[in-house]
C-alpha atoms as a PDB file:
ATOM      1  CA  MET A   1      -0.001  -0.006  -0.027  1.00  0.00           C
ATOM      2  CA  PRO A   2       1.416   3.463  -0.881  1.00  0.00           C
ATOM      3  CA  SER A   3       2.278   5.916   1.813  1.00  0.00           C
ATOM      4  CA  ARG A   4      -0.321   8.711   2.413  1.00  0.00           C
ATOM      5  CA  ASN A   5       0.491  12.384   2.392  1.00  0.00           C
ATOM      6  CA  LYS A   6      -0.891  15.280   4.268  1.00  0.00           C
ATOM      7  CA  PRO A   7      -1.919  18.337   2.181  1.00  0.00           C
ATOM      8  CA  SER A   8       1.445  19.995   2.602  1.00  0.00           C
ATOM      9  CA  GLY A   9       4.053  18.551   0.389  1.00  0.00           C
ATOM     10  CA  TYR A  10       4.109  16.758  -3.042  1.00  0.00           C
ATOM     11  CA  TRP A  11       2.501  19.479  -5.136  1.00  0.00           C
ATOM     12  CA  ARG A  12       5.404  21.702  -4.235  1.00  0.00           C
ATOM     13  CA  ILE A  13       7.934  19.336  -5.793  1.00  0.00           C
ATOM     14  CA  GLY A  14       6.084  18.941  -9.046  1.00  0.00           C
ATOM     15  CA  ALA A  15       3.905  15.963  -8.305  1.00  0.00           C
ATOM     16  CA  LEU A  16       0.967  15.198 -10.548  1.00  0.00           C
ATOM     17  CA  LEU A  17      -2.245  15.939  -8.483  1.00  0.00           C
ATOM     18  CA  VAL A  18      -5.123  13.764  -9.859  1.00  0.00           C
ATOM     19  CA  ASP A  19      -8.558  14.662  -8.680  1.00  0.00           C
ATOM     20  CA  ILE A  20     -11.067  11.822  -8.862  1.00  0.00           C
ATOM     21  CA  ARG A  21     -14.020  13.556  -7.164  1.00  0.00           C
ATOM     22  CA  PRO A  22     -17.436  13.573  -8.940  1.00  0.00           C
ATOM     23  CA  TYR A  23     -18.292  16.693 -10.988  1.00  0.00           C
ATOM     24  CA  ALA A  24     -20.979  17.741  -8.413  1.00  0.00           C
ATOM     25  CA  ASN A  25     -18.431  17.950  -5.616  1.00  0.00           C
ATOM     26  CA  ARG A  26     -15.955  19.924  -7.724  1.00  0.00           C
ATOM     27  CA  LEU A  27     -18.590  22.291  -8.771  1.00  0.00           C
ATOM     28  CA  ALA A  28     -19.849  22.889  -5.242  1.00  0.00           C
ATOM     29  CA  GLU A  29     -16.582  22.939  -3.450  1.00  0.00           C
ATOM     30  CA  GLY A  30     -13.925  23.986  -5.969  1.00  0.00           C
ATOM     31  CA  GLU A  31     -10.761  22.477  -7.318  1.00  0.00           C
ATOM     32  CA  ILE A  32      -6.994  22.592  -6.673  1.00  0.00           C
ATOM     33  CA  PRO A  33      -5.263  24.700  -9.251  1.00  0.00           C
ATOM     34  CA  GLY A  34      -3.271  22.632 -11.676  1.00  0.00           C
ATOM     35  CA  ALA A  35      -4.891  19.274 -10.591  1.00  0.00           C
ATOM     36  CA  VAL A  36      -5.743  16.930 -13.530  1.00  0.00           C
ATOM     37  CA  ILE A  37      -9.395  15.822 -13.326  1.00  0.00           C
ATOM     38  CA  VAL A  38      -9.923  12.165 -14.040  1.00  0.00           C
ATOM     39  CA  GLU A  39     -13.146  10.378 -13.693  1.00  0.00           C
ATOM     40  CA  ARG A  40     -12.688   7.290 -11.400  1.00  0.00           C
ATOM     41  CA  ILE A  41     -14.141   4.932 -13.953  1.00  0.00           C
ATOM     42  CA  VAL A  42     -11.322   5.665 -16.425  1.00  0.00           C
ATOM     43  CA  LEU A  43      -8.493   6.096 -13.898  1.00  0.00           C
ATOM     44  CA  GLU A  44      -6.703   2.904 -14.693  1.00  0.00           C
ATOM     45  CA  TRP A  45      -6.568   3.782 -18.463  1.00  0.00           C
ATOM     46  CA  ARG A  46      -5.196   7.220 -17.645  1.00  0.00           C
ATOM     47  CA  LEU A  47      -2.654   6.073 -15.046  1.00  0.00           C
ATOM     48  CA  ASP A  48      -1.316   2.969 -16.635  1.00  0.00           C
ATOM     49  CA  PRO A  49       2.297   3.971 -17.795  1.00  0.00           C
ATOM     50  CA  HIS A  50       2.195   1.432 -20.624  1.00  0.00           C
ATOM     51  CA  ASN A  51      -1.276   2.310 -21.999  1.00  0.00           C
ATOM     52  CA  GLU A  52      -1.658   4.337 -25.090  1.00  0.00           C
ATOM     53  CA  PHE A  53      -4.490   6.344 -23.385  1.00  0.00           C
ATOM     54  CA  ARG A  54      -2.298   7.271 -20.389  1.00  0.00           C
ATOM     55  CA  LEU A  55      -1.957  10.970 -19.328  1.00  0.00           C
ATOM     56  CA  ALA A  56       0.605  12.793 -21.423  1.00  0.00           C
ATOM     57  CA  GLY A  57       4.107  12.525 -20.056  1.00  0.00           C
ATOM     58  CA  LEU A  58       3.155   9.846 -17.450  1.00  0.00           C
ATOM     59  CA  THR A  59       5.917   7.340 -16.634  1.00  0.00           C
ATOM     60  CA  GLU A  60       6.515   4.680 -14.076  1.00  0.00           C
ATOM     61  CA  ASP A  61       8.651   7.236 -12.215  1.00  0.00           C
ATOM     62  CA  THR A  62       6.031  10.048 -12.129  1.00  0.00           C
ATOM     63  CA  THR A  63       5.028  11.075  -8.678  1.00  0.00           C
ATOM     64  CA  VAL A  64       1.275  10.970  -8.576  1.00  0.00           C
ATOM     65  CA  VAL A  65      -0.981  12.132  -5.658  1.00  0.00           C
ATOM     66  CA  ILE A  66      -4.534  11.071  -6.035  1.00  0.00           C
ATOM     67  CA  LEU A  67      -7.320  12.910  -4.121  1.00  0.00           C
ATOM     68  CA  CYS A  68     -10.976  12.396  -3.455  1.00  0.00           C
ATOM     69  CA  ASN A  69     -13.218  14.182  -0.991  1.00  0.00           C
ATOM     70  CA  GLU A  70     -11.841  12.838   2.193  1.00  0.00           C
ATOM     71  CA  GLY A  71      -9.133  10.321   1.333  1.00  0.00           C
ATOM     72  CA  TYR A  72     -11.026   7.078   1.362  1.00  0.00           C
ATOM     73  CA  ALA A  73     -11.633   6.450  -2.408  1.00  0.00           C
ATOM     74  CA  SER A  74      -8.221   7.845  -3.219  1.00  0.00           C
ATOM     75  CA  SER A  75      -6.439   5.316  -0.933  1.00  0.00           C
ATOM     76  CA  LEU A  76      -7.963   2.480  -2.993  1.00  0.00           C
ATOM     77  CA  ALA A  77      -7.104   4.339  -6.316  1.00  0.00           C
ATOM     78  CA  ALA A  78      -3.516   4.815  -5.145  1.00  0.00           C
ATOM     79  CA  ARG A  79      -3.232   1.050  -4.454  1.00  0.00           C
ATOM     80  CA  ASP A  80      -4.555   0.285  -7.969  1.00  0.00           C
ATOM     81  CA  ALA A  81      -2.045   2.838  -9.389  1.00  0.00           C
ATOM     82  CA  HIS A  82       0.805   0.982  -7.695  1.00  0.00           C
ATOM     83  CA  GLU A  83      -0.481  -2.326  -9.142  1.00  0.00           C
ATOM     84  CA  LEU A  84      -0.322  -0.636 -12.668  1.00  0.00           C
ATOM     85  CA  GLY A  85       3.333   0.150 -12.059  1.00  0.00           C
ATOM     86  CA  LEU A  86       3.319   3.624 -10.735  1.00  0.00           C
ATOM     87  CA  ARG A  87       6.011   3.279  -8.018  1.00  0.00           C
ATOM     88  CA  ASN A  88       5.499   6.788  -6.665  1.00  0.00           C
ATOM     89  CA  ALA A  89       1.723   6.962  -6.445  1.00  0.00           C
ATOM     90  CA  THR A  90      -0.002   7.847  -3.185  1.00  0.00           C
ATOM     91  CA  ASP A  91      -3.066   9.646  -1.926  1.00  0.00           C
ATOM     92  CA  MET A  92      -3.694  12.688   0.271  1.00  0.00           C
ATOM     93  CA  VAL A  93      -4.771  12.174   3.881  1.00  0.00           C
ATOM     94  CA  GLY A  94      -8.039  13.969   4.333  1.00  0.00           C
ATOM     95  CA  GLY A  95      -8.484  14.530   0.617  1.00  0.00           C
ATOM     96  CA  PHE A  96      -9.685  17.765  -0.989  1.00  0.00           C
ATOM     97  CA  ARG A  97     -11.536  18.822   2.154  1.00  0.00           C
ATOM     98  CA  ALA A  98      -8.364  18.732   4.242  1.00  0.00           C
ATOM     99  CA  TRP A  99      -6.562  20.715   1.541  1.00  0.00           C
ATOM    100  CA  LYS A 100      -9.318  23.425   1.623  1.00  0.00           C
ATOM    101  CA  ALA A 101      -9.486  23.387   5.504  1.00  0.00           C
ATOM    102  CA  ALA A 102      -5.663  23.980   5.581  1.00  0.00           C
ATOM    103  CA  GLY A 103      -6.172  27.222   3.633  1.00  0.00           C
ATOM    104  CA  LEU A 104      -4.318  25.999   0.506  1.00  0.00           C
ATOM    105  CA  PRO A 105      -5.188  27.262  -2.925  1.00  0.00           C
ATOM    106  CA  VAL A 106      -8.586  26.484  -4.398  1.00  0.00           C
ATOM    107  CA  VAL A 107     -10.222  27.772  -7.472  1.00  0.00           C
ATOM    108  CA  ARG A 108     -13.855  27.683  -8.848  1.00  0.00           C
ATOM    109  CA  GLY A 109     -14.890  24.195  -9.699  1.00  0.00           C
ATOM    110  CA  GLY A 110     -16.642  22.481 -12.598  1.00  0.00           C
ATOM    111  CA  SER A 111     -13.803  21.887 -14.957  1.00  0.00           C
ATOM    112  CA  PRO A 112     -14.303  18.972 -17.364  1.00  0.00           C
ATOM    113  CA  ALA A 113     -12.542  15.697 -16.797  1.00  0.00           C
ATOM    114  CA  VAL A 114      -9.800  14.525 -19.103  1.00  0.00           C
ATOM    115  CA  PRO A 115     -11.625  12.889 -21.988  1.00  0.00           C
END
């Protein structure tokens, strides 16, 4: 199981933040600037470093931090990302809500997910 991170570290060193929250939550609560929105149903396609449908630039060595609302669904998604071969995949303790509660940057939500 990957290690979990508090909302205070990886984005500062260039980690890829992947937001798997549903559209309704992103619209109502906002989004993290620069996070990539990926629907949970296609996450494995987008995070498989050997898949032709992977996120642009993604490799086995990419540091990926997956976040959901509170950190539960993202812990399972991070486990799955590890199984796909992403050695540096993890999730964020407390998810988006912990990020927002910590006073970290949030922008208006409702961005479309990666197709």
